[in-house]
Each structure stands twice: as C-alpha cells, then as structure tokens.
C-alpha cells in the first residue's frame, strides 16, 4: 500500500447523540465538511459546589448538586462571533476545510466561505484545532489500485478508527476547554497523484473532557466536565487537492 489509507490524506495534510445526517450536507462552494457539536456534562454554578446541609442532633449531612450543561453548534458559533468581533449571517454553518489553510471555517447557508476561524492574528491565546497524539488505528474495508502506463488510480471504501484525537478551543474571552477520544473516519474515496475525491466522507470524534466555557444556560463562564462530547463532520462529492 503506497499510502496509509485516505485518513492521513484528510487529517495530516491537516448521527449519534441526536445529530441528523440530513442536515450535514457537503458545502456547496468549498471543500469544507459541515460540522456539528453536541456536548453534555455537569457544572457547578459560580464554580462552587451547590450544597445544602441538614443537621439532626450531632449529625450534619451535606448534599451536593451539580447542574447539567449542554453546548451545541450554535453556541460554538456564538463563541466564534464574540472572539472575532463579528456577526454571522442567518443560516451560517461551521465546517472543517480539508484544503490549505486546513482547519475550521464558517460558511454561509449556501456553502460559501464567511470566515476562516482556524487562527486569529489579533489574539495569541486563541486556539480552535483538531489534534492527534497517537498513530494507533484499526482499519476495515477495501482498497483497489489500478495502474496503467500513465497513471495510478486508487479507490478506497474504508472505515478507520484512530486513538487519541482531541478538539481544543481557547480564546481571549475566558474560554479554555477540550475533549478527547477515538475518531472514526468513513470514506468512499478515489485518489490520484493530483487530488483525492470523496464520494462520501464522515469524521466522528466522540469522547469526554471539560474546562472553562461560556455557559449559555446562565450567561457566565463556568468550569465543567464533559461526560459525552461529539464532533461530526460530513461531506459528499468533496475534492481535496
């Protein structure tokens, strides 16, 4: 095999939880994979345990209660709008662009680029990235390679599961959180020496984590634990050069 599956073409050139694939179409005018976040967990309001006590005789009982938290794609878009001091058009979408400069972008409802949010030159604390700390993987599927005198064409229909991927987000507003877990890439791809064409592609990262984040539930910066966090990105008929 000349390449370690198309996953490395996707990342190193770098619906679960109620996410509906019908709303995750390929971006029309970019090579972005339209993305969705769904994060659930627990937090303590004002970063202090919520405690009630009951005293009976010489016995004092303290009960601690954590509140549920939820962060969705619209909340991530709100964080980005605040960080970049802008507003996004109605129907704006978050996506992951496979081509240079690779990373997260915001698209309009038609799939055209609104803003590259993979970096912010005015904020040295800003980070919004997909990273990996392991090469351990498990691959299933099929690869068919056809070689002629002038070219080599490779078709892959494969599922690749790779350990230790993470989404990191930090900015100058006070947000600093992440989640980590295995990533599953499913692709029906055709690649040549000049480009990779994905008939279909999906990337799913499902894990856990936590940190400090602007909480849409109370309008404050809270610390919390992400007990289940998902990022999914999908596309159809996407070309990666």
C-alpha atoms as a PDB file:
ATOM      1  CA  UNK A   1       0.000   0.000   0.000  1.00  0.00           C
ATOM      2  CA  UNK A   2       1.516   3.308  -1.047  1.00  0.00           C
ATOM      3  CA  UNK A   3      -0.472   5.341   1.473  1.00  0.00           C
ATOM      4  CA  UNK A   4      -1.843   4.569   4.905  1.00  0.00           C
ATOM      5  CA  UNK A   5      -5.431   4.923   3.760  1.00  0.00           C
ATOM      6  CA  UNK A   6      -7.136   8.196   2.923  1.00  0.00           C
ATOM      7  CA  UNK A   7      -7.374   9.173   6.593  1.00  0.00           C
ATOM      8  CA  UNK A   8      -3.852  10.547   6.531  1.00  0.00           C
ATOM      9  CA  UNK A   9      -4.690  12.483   3.381  1.00  0.00           C
ATOM     10  CA  UNK A  10      -7.575  14.047   5.300  1.00  0.00           C
ATOM     11  CA  UNK A  11      -6.040  14.786   8.668  1.00  0.00           C
ATOM     12  CA  UNK A  12      -2.293  15.056   8.368  1.00  0.00           C
ATOM     13  CA  UNK A  13      -2.499  17.252   5.227  1.00  0.00           C
ATOM     14  CA  UNK A  14      -4.256  18.797   8.443  1.00  0.00           C
ATOM     15  CA  UNK A  15     -25.696  10.604  13.594  1.00  0.00           C
ATOM     16  CA  UNK A  16     -25.065   9.908  17.120  1.00  0.00           C
ATOM     17  CA  UNK A  17     -26.400  11.938  20.077  1.00  0.00           C
ATOM     18  CA  UNK A  18     -29.332  13.205  18.054  1.00  0.00           C
ATOM     19  CA  UNK A  19     -27.298  14.700  15.191  1.00  0.00           C
ATOM     20  CA  UNK A  20     -29.245  14.359  11.967  1.00  0.00           C
ATOM     21  CA  UNK A  21     -27.200  13.424   8.866  1.00  0.00           C
ATOM     22  CA  UNK A  22     -29.854  15.114   6.733  1.00  0.00           C
ATOM     23  CA  UNK A  23     -28.575  18.456   7.999  1.00  0.00           C
ATOM     24  CA  UNK A  24     -24.917  17.669   7.398  1.00  0.00           C
ATOM     25  CA  UNK A  25     -24.602  18.057   3.645  1.00  0.00           C
ATOM     26  CA  UNK A  26     -21.340  18.837   1.872  1.00  0.00           C
ATOM     27  CA  UNK A  27     -20.557  22.513   1.487  1.00  0.00           C
ATOM     28  CA  UNK A  28     -21.530  23.725  -1.984  1.00  0.00           C
ATOM     29  CA  UNK A  29     -18.728  26.172  -2.774  1.00  0.00           C
ATOM     30  CA  UNK A  30     -15.845  24.945  -0.604  1.00  0.00           C
ATOM     31  CA  UNK A  31     -14.186  21.685   0.348  1.00  0.00           C
ATOM     32  CA  UNK A  32     -15.489  22.082   3.881  1.00  0.00           C
ATOM     33  CA  UNK A  33     -17.135  19.242   5.754  1.00  0.00           C
ATOM     34  CA  UNK A  34     -20.167  20.696   7.502  1.00  0.00           C
ATOM     35  CA  UNK A  35     -19.775  20.127  11.225  1.00  0.00           C
ATOM     36  CA  UNK A  36     -21.897  19.771  14.321  1.00  0.00           C
ATOM     37  CA  UNK A  37     -21.034  19.768  18.018  1.00  0.00           C
ATOM     38  CA  UNK A  38     -23.050  18.263  20.833  1.00  0.00           C
ATOM     39  CA  UNK A  39     -21.582  18.396  24.327  1.00  0.00           C
ATOM     40  CA  UNK A  40     -23.307  17.370  27.542  1.00  0.00           C
ATOM     41  CA  UNK A  41     -21.998  17.231  31.081  1.00  0.00           C
ATOM     42  CA  UNK A  42     -22.123  18.787  34.524  1.00  0.00           C
ATOM     43  CA  UNK A  43     -21.089  22.081  36.112  1.00  0.00           C
ATOM     44  CA  UNK A  44     -21.258  23.877  39.449  1.00  0.00           C
ATOM     45  CA  UNK A  45     -22.742  27.411  39.194  1.00  0.00           C
ATOM     46  CA  UNK A  46     -20.225  30.164  40.050  1.00  0.00           C
ATOM     47  CA  UNK A  47     -17.590  27.393  40.070  1.00  0.00           C
ATOM     48  CA  UNK A  48     -18.596  26.455  43.610  1.00  0.00           C
ATOM     49  CA  UNK A  49     -20.389  23.314  44.771  1.00  0.00           C
ATOM     50  CA  UNK A  50     -24.119  23.716  45.303  1.00  0.00           C
ATOM     51  CA  UNK A  51     -24.563  22.439  48.811  1.00  0.00           C
ATOM     52  CA  UNK A  52     -27.426  22.059  51.241  1.00  0.00           C
ATOM     53  CA  UNK A  53     -26.973  20.929  54.818  1.00  0.00           C
ATOM     54  CA  UNK A  54     -29.233  19.285  57.304  1.00  0.00           C
ATOM     55  CA  UNK A  55     -28.396  18.991  60.979  1.00  0.00           C
ATOM     56  CA  UNK A  56     -30.047  16.421  63.206  1.00  0.00           C
ATOM     57  CA  UNK A  57     -28.573  16.204  66.693  1.00  0.00           C
ATOM     58  CA  UNK A  58     -24.853  15.749  66.334  1.00  0.00           C
ATOM     59  CA  UNK A  59     -25.092  14.572  62.686  1.00  0.00           C
ATOM     60  CA  UNK A  60     -24.648  17.065  59.844  1.00  0.00           C
ATOM     61  CA  UNK A  61     -25.483  15.882  56.326  1.00  0.00           C
ATOM     62  CA  UNK A  62     -24.353  17.876  53.286  1.00  0.00           C
ATOM     63  CA  UNK A  63     -25.842  17.273  49.844  1.00  0.00           C
ATOM     64  CA  UNK A  64     -24.013  18.458  46.724  1.00  0.00           C
ATOM     65  CA  UNK A  65     -25.813  19.042  43.429  1.00  0.00           C
ATOM     66  CA  UNK A  66     -24.254  19.644  40.007  1.00  0.00           C
ATOM     67  CA  UNK A  67     -26.297  21.101  37.164  1.00  0.00           C
ATOM     68  CA  UNK A  68     -26.496  19.660  33.653  1.00  0.00           C
ATOM     69  CA  UNK A  69     -24.801  21.546  30.840  1.00  0.00           C
ATOM     70  CA  UNK A  70     -25.244  21.478  27.085  1.00  0.00           C
ATOM     71  CA  UNK A  71     -23.173  23.111  24.354  1.00  0.00           C
ATOM     72  CA  UNK A  72     -24.377  22.843  20.756  1.00  0.00           C
ATOM     73  CA  UNK A  73     -23.105  24.038  17.382  1.00  0.00           C
ATOM     74  CA  UNK A  74     -24.966  27.347  17.668  1.00  0.00           C
ATOM     75  CA  UNK A  75     -23.161  28.016  20.951  1.00  0.00           C
ATOM     76  CA  UNK A  76     -19.757  27.393  19.345  1.00  0.00           C
ATOM     77  CA  UNK A  77     -20.711  29.817  16.551  1.00  0.00           C
ATOM     78  CA  UNK A  78     -21.636  32.388  19.210  1.00  0.00           C
ATOM     79  CA  UNK A  79     -18.208  31.948  20.844  1.00  0.00           C
ATOM     80  CA  UNK A  80     -16.544  32.498  17.481  1.00  0.00           C
ATOM     81  CA  UNK A  81     -18.620  35.593  16.706  1.00  0.00           C
ATOM     82  CA  UNK A  82     -17.637  37.108  20.072  1.00  0.00           C
ATOM     83  CA  UNK A  83     -13.967  36.204  19.612  1.00  0.00           C
ATOM     84  CA  UNK A  84     -13.732  37.749  16.140  1.00  0.00           C
ATOM     85  CA  UNK A  85     -15.982  40.719  16.967  1.00  0.00           C
ATOM     86  CA  UNK A  86     -18.442  39.981  14.198  1.00  0.00           C
ATOM     87  CA  UNK A  87     -21.852  38.503  13.463  1.00  0.00           C
ATOM     88  CA  UNK A  88     -22.602  35.672  11.089  1.00  0.00           C
ATOM     89  CA  UNK A  89     -25.421  35.644   8.545  1.00  0.00           C
ATOM     90  CA  UNK A  90     -28.602  33.720   9.159  1.00  0.00           C
ATOM     91  CA  UNK A  91     -28.057  30.047   8.388  1.00  0.00           C
ATOM     92  CA  UNK A  92     -24.293  30.197   8.979  1.00  0.00           C
ATOM     93  CA  UNK A  93     -22.620  26.797   9.216  1.00  0.00           C
ATOM     94  CA  UNK A  94     -19.488  25.567  10.924  1.00  0.00           C
ATOM     95  CA  UNK A  95     -17.248  23.393   8.739  1.00  0.00           C
ATOM     96  CA  UNK A  96     -13.838  21.762   8.591  1.00  0.00           C
ATOM     97  CA  UNK A  97     -11.923  22.610   5.405  1.00  0.00           C
ATOM     98  CA  UNK A  98      -9.709  19.861   4.005  1.00  0.00           C
ATOM     99  CA  UNK A  99      -7.583  22.158   1.861  1.00  0.00           C
ATOM    100  CA  UNK A 100      -4.937  24.692   2.805  1.00  0.00           C
ATOM    101  CA  UNK A 101      -5.138  26.519   5.112  1.00  0.00           C
ATOM    102  CA  UNK A 102      -6.661  23.477   6.745  1.00  0.00           C
ATOM    103  CA  UNK A 103      -8.941  23.926   9.735  1.00  0.00           C
ATOM    104  CA  UNK A 104     -12.284  25.228  10.932  1.00  0.00           C
ATOM    105  CA  UNK A 105     -14.228  27.770   8.867  1.00  0.00           C
ATOM    106  CA  UNK A 106     -17.632  29.423   8.956  1.00  0.00           C
ATOM    107  CA  UNK A 107     -19.767  29.165   5.816  1.00  0.00           C
ATOM    108  CA  UNK A 108     -22.976  30.880   4.788  1.00  0.00           C
ATOM    109  CA  UNK A 109     -26.156  28.913   4.130  1.00  0.00           C
ATOM    110  CA  UNK A 110     -25.072  28.291   0.537  1.00  0.00           C
ATOM    111  CA  UNK A 111     -21.663  26.897   1.468  1.00  0.00           C
ATOM    112  CA  UNK A 112     -19.530  29.931   0.613  1.00  0.00           C
ATOM    113  CA  UNK A 113     -16.731  30.979   2.953  1.00  0.00           C
ATOM    114  CA  UNK A 114     -17.590  33.663   5.512  1.00  0.00           C
ATOM    115  CA  UNK A 115     -14.551  33.468   7.807  1.00  0.00           C
ATOM    116  CA  UNK A 116     -11.554  31.231   8.432  1.00  0.00           C
ATOM    117  CA  UNK A 117     -11.627  30.614  12.195  1.00  0.00           C
ATOM    118  CA  UNK A 118      -8.645  28.249  12.418  1.00  0.00           C
ATOM    119  CA  UNK A 119      -6.470  31.121  13.713  1.00  0.00           C
ATOM    120  CA  UNK A 120      -6.761  34.717  14.926  1.00  0.00           C
ATOM    121  CA  UNK A 121      -3.785  37.004  14.364  1.00  0.00           C
ATOM    122  CA  UNK A 122      -5.108  39.528  16.898  1.00  0.00           C
ATOM    123  CA  UNK A 123      -5.381  37.012  19.777  1.00  0.00           C
ATOM    124  CA  UNK A 124      -2.321  34.949  20.720  1.00  0.00           C
ATOM    125  CA  UNK A 125      -4.381  32.897  23.193  1.00  0.00           C
ATOM    126  CA  UNK A 126      -6.811  31.731  20.509  1.00  0.00           C
ATOM    127  CA  UNK A 127      -6.908  28.077  19.531  1.00  0.00           C
ATOM    128  CA  UNK A 128      -9.508  26.042  17.685  1.00  0.00           C
ATOM    129  CA  UNK A 129      -7.989  22.849  16.392  1.00  0.00           C
ATOM    130  CA  UNK A 130      -8.222  19.128  15.785  1.00  0.00           C
ATOM    131  CA  UNK A 131      -5.087  17.336  17.025  1.00  0.00           C
ATOM    132  CA  UNK A 132      -3.785  13.805  17.443  1.00  0.00           C
ATOM    133  CA  UNK A 133      -1.257  12.234  19.838  1.00  0.00           C
ATOM    134  CA  UNK A 134      -1.271   8.616  18.639  1.00  0.00           C
ATOM    135  CA  UNK A 135      -0.908   6.657  15.418  1.00  0.00           C
ATOM    136  CA  UNK A 136      -2.702   3.581  16.761  1.00  0.00           C
ATOM    137  CA  UNK A 137      -5.522   2.639  14.411  1.00  0.00           C
ATOM    138  CA  UNK A 138      -7.764  -0.134  13.190  1.00  0.00           C
ATOM    139  CA  UNK A 139      -8.831  -0.246   9.528  1.00  0.00           C
ATOM    140  CA  UNK A 140     -11.526  -2.236   7.774  1.00  0.00           C
ATOM    141  CA  UNK A 141     -12.790  -2.111   4.212  1.00  0.00           C
ATOM    142  CA  UNK A 142     -11.349  -2.455   0.722  1.00  0.00           C
ATOM    143  CA  UNK A 143      -8.761  -0.717  -1.472  1.00  0.00           C
ATOM    144  CA  UNK A 144      -8.475  -1.379  -5.214  1.00  0.00           C
ATOM    145  CA  UNK A 145      -5.462   0.053  -7.042  1.00  0.00           C
ATOM    146  CA  UNK A 146      -5.349   0.167 -10.844  1.00  0.00           C
ATOM    147  CA  UNK A 147      -2.075   1.067 -12.567  1.00  0.00           C
ATOM    148  CA  UNK A 148      -1.653   1.954 -16.227  1.00  0.00           C
ATOM    149  CA  UNK A 149       1.390   3.142 -18.115  1.00  0.00           C
ATOM    150  CA  UNK A 150       0.467   6.765 -17.410  1.00  0.00           C
ATOM    151  CA  UNK A 151      -1.218   6.811 -14.003  1.00  0.00           C
ATOM    152  CA  UNK A 152      -2.335   5.009 -10.864  1.00  0.00           C
ATOM    153  CA  UNK A 153      -5.904   5.211  -9.639  1.00  0.00           C
ATOM    154  CA  UNK A 154      -6.869   4.039  -6.158  1.00  0.00           C
ATOM    155  CA  UNK A 155     -10.388   3.516  -4.845  1.00  0.00           C
ATOM    156  CA  UNK A 156     -10.956   3.006  -1.132  1.00  0.00           C
ATOM    157  CA  UNK A 157     -14.147   2.247   0.785  1.00  0.00           C
ATOM    158  CA  UNK A 158     -12.818   2.114   4.297  1.00  0.00           C
ATOM    159  CA  UNK A 159     -13.516   2.727   7.988  1.00  0.00           C
ATOM    160  CA  UNK A 160     -10.513   3.883  10.025  1.00  0.00           C
ATOM    161  CA  UNK A 161     -10.649   4.189  13.830  1.00  0.00           C
ATOM    162  CA  UNK A 162      -7.747   6.109  15.372  1.00  0.00           C
ATOM    163  CA  UNK A 163      -6.932   6.727  19.035  1.00  0.00           C
ATOM    164  CA  UNK A 164      -6.334   9.972  20.929  1.00  0.00           C
ATOM    165  CA  UNK A 165      -7.842  12.754  18.872  1.00  0.00           C
ATOM    166  CA  UNK A 166      -8.895  15.996  20.535  1.00  0.00           C
ATOM    167  CA  UNK A 167     -10.756  19.218  19.855  1.00  0.00           C
ATOM    168  CA  UNK A 168      -9.217  22.216  21.640  1.00  0.00           C
ATOM    169  CA  UNK A 169     -10.856  25.615  21.994  1.00  0.00           C
ATOM    170  CA  UNK A 170      -9.391  28.659  23.784  1.00  0.00           C
ATOM    171  CA  UNK A 171      -9.784  32.403  23.314  1.00  0.00           C
ATOM    172  CA  UNK A 172      -9.170  35.783  24.914  1.00  0.00           C
ATOM    173  CA  UNK A 173     -12.675  35.905  26.383  1.00  0.00           C
ATOM    174  CA  UNK A 174     -12.072  33.254  29.033  1.00  0.00           C
ATOM    175  CA  UNK A 175     -12.916  30.011  27.214  1.00  0.00           C
ATOM    176  CA  UNK A 176     -10.471  27.142  27.503  1.00  0.00           C
ATOM    177  CA  UNK A 177     -11.877  23.630  27.008  1.00  0.00           C
ATOM    178  CA  UNK A 178     -11.273  20.409  25.141  1.00  0.00           C
ATOM    179  CA  UNK A 179     -12.486  16.871  24.653  1.00  0.00           C
ATOM    180  CA  UNK A 180     -10.588  13.767  23.631  1.00  0.00           C
ATOM    181  CA  UNK A 181     -11.475  10.328  22.284  1.00  0.00           C
ATOM    182  CA  UNK A 182     -11.158   7.976  19.319  1.00  0.00           C
ATOM    183  CA  UNK A 183     -12.021   9.285  15.886  1.00  0.00           C
ATOM    184  CA  UNK A 184     -13.805   7.251  13.233  1.00  0.00           C
ATOM    185  CA  UNK A 185     -13.363   8.176   9.584  1.00  0.00           C
ATOM    186  CA  UNK A 186     -15.581   6.571   6.934  1.00  0.00           C
ATOM    187  CA  UNK A 187     -14.777   7.357   3.327  1.00  0.00           C
ATOM    188  CA  UNK A 188     -15.606   6.272  -0.183  1.00  0.00           C
ATOM    189  CA  UNK A 189     -12.648   7.841  -1.957  1.00  0.00           C
ATOM    190  CA  UNK A 190     -10.837   7.887  -5.254  1.00  0.00           C
ATOM    191  CA  UNK A 191      -7.356   9.369  -5.338  1.00  0.00           C
ATOM    192  CA  UNK A 192      -4.695  10.002  -7.903  1.00  0.00           C
ATOM    193  CA  UNK A 193      -1.346  11.781  -7.755  1.00  0.00           C
ATOM    194  CA  UNK A 194      -3.054  15.183  -8.035  1.00  0.00           C
ATOM    195  CA  UNK A 195      -6.210  15.022  -5.899  1.00  0.00           C
ATOM    196  CA  UNK A 196      -8.459  12.951  -3.681  1.00  0.00           C
ATOM    197  CA  UNK A 197     -12.182  12.857  -4.456  1.00  0.00           C
ATOM    198  CA  UNK A 198     -14.580  11.756  -1.739  1.00  0.00           C
ATOM    199  CA  UNK A 199     -17.900  10.430  -2.940  1.00  0.00           C
ATOM    200  CA  UNK A 200     -18.848  10.388   0.743  1.00  0.00           C
ATOM    201  CA  UNK A 201     -16.855  11.139   3.877  1.00  0.00           C
ATOM    202  CA  UNK A 202     -17.666  11.396   7.577  1.00  0.00           C
ATOM    203  CA  UNK A 203     -15.446  12.106  10.567  1.00  0.00           C
ATOM    204  CA  UNK A 204     -16.776  11.375  14.049  1.00  0.00           C
ATOM    205  CA  UNK A 205     -14.962  12.216  17.279  1.00  0.00           C
ATOM    206  CA  UNK A 206     -16.739  11.038  20.409  1.00  0.00           C
ATOM    207  CA  UNK A 207     -15.141  11.486  23.806  1.00  0.00           C
ATOM    208  CA  UNK A 208     -15.078  13.411  27.064  1.00  0.00           C
ATOM    209  CA  UNK A 209     -13.251  16.340  28.572  1.00  0.00           C
ATOM    210  CA  UNK A 210     -14.030  19.699  30.111  1.00  0.00           C
ATOM    211  CA  UNK A 211     -12.631  23.095  31.042  1.00  0.00           C
ATOM    212  CA  UNK A 212     -13.877  26.664  31.262  1.00  0.00           C
ATOM    213  CA  UNK A 213     -16.579  27.842  28.869  1.00  0.00           C
ATOM    214  CA  UNK A 214     -19.226  30.495  28.386  1.00  0.00           C
ATOM    215  CA  UNK A 215     -22.339  28.711  29.560  1.00  0.00           C
ATOM    216  CA  UNK A 216     -25.462  29.617  27.537  1.00  0.00           C
ATOM    217  CA  UNK A 217     -27.599  28.409  30.448  1.00  0.00           C
ATOM    218  CA  UNK A 218     -26.526  31.149  32.875  1.00  0.00           C
ATOM    219  CA  UNK A 219     -24.561  33.638  30.764  1.00  0.00           C
ATOM    220  CA  UNK A 220     -21.406  33.113  32.838  1.00  0.00           C
ATOM    221  CA  UNK A 221     -18.014  31.482  32.459  1.00  0.00           C
ATOM    222  CA  UNK A 222     -18.269  28.178  34.273  1.00  0.00           C
ATOM    223  CA  UNK A 223     -15.987  25.222  34.837  1.00  0.00           C
ATOM    224  CA  UNK A 224     -17.436  21.857  33.998  1.00  0.00           C
ATOM    225  CA  UNK A 225     -16.947  18.270  32.964  1.00  0.00           C
ATOM    226  CA  UNK A 226     -17.989  16.976  29.544  1.00  0.00           C
ATOM    227  CA  UNK A 227     -19.297  13.486  30.149  1.00  0.00           C
ATOM    228  CA  UNK A 228     -20.117  12.977  26.470  1.00  0.00           C
ATOM    229  CA  UNK A 229     -18.913  15.196  23.663  1.00  0.00           C
ATOM    230  CA  UNK A 230     -19.308  14.694  19.937  1.00  0.00           C
ATOM    231  CA  UNK A 231     -17.984  16.421  16.834  1.00  0.00           C
ATOM    232  CA  UNK A 232     -19.181  15.113  13.480  1.00  0.00           C
ATOM    233  CA  UNK A 233     -18.238  16.402  10.027  1.00  0.00           C
ATOM    234  CA  UNK A 234     -19.614  15.071   6.754  1.00  0.00           C
ATOM    235  CA  UNK A 235     -19.484  15.778   3.061  1.00  0.00           C
ATOM    236  CA  UNK A 236     -20.397  14.479  -0.385  1.00  0.00           C
ATOM    237  CA  UNK A 237     -18.504  14.891  -3.657  1.00  0.00           C
ATOM    238  CA  UNK A 238     -15.652  16.738  -1.952  1.00  0.00           C
ATOM    239  CA  UNK A 239     -12.271  17.232  -3.660  1.00  0.00           C
ATOM    240  CA  UNK A 240      -9.042  17.553  -1.682  1.00  0.00           C
ATOM    241  CA  UNK A 241      -6.037  18.822  -3.596  1.00  0.00           C
END
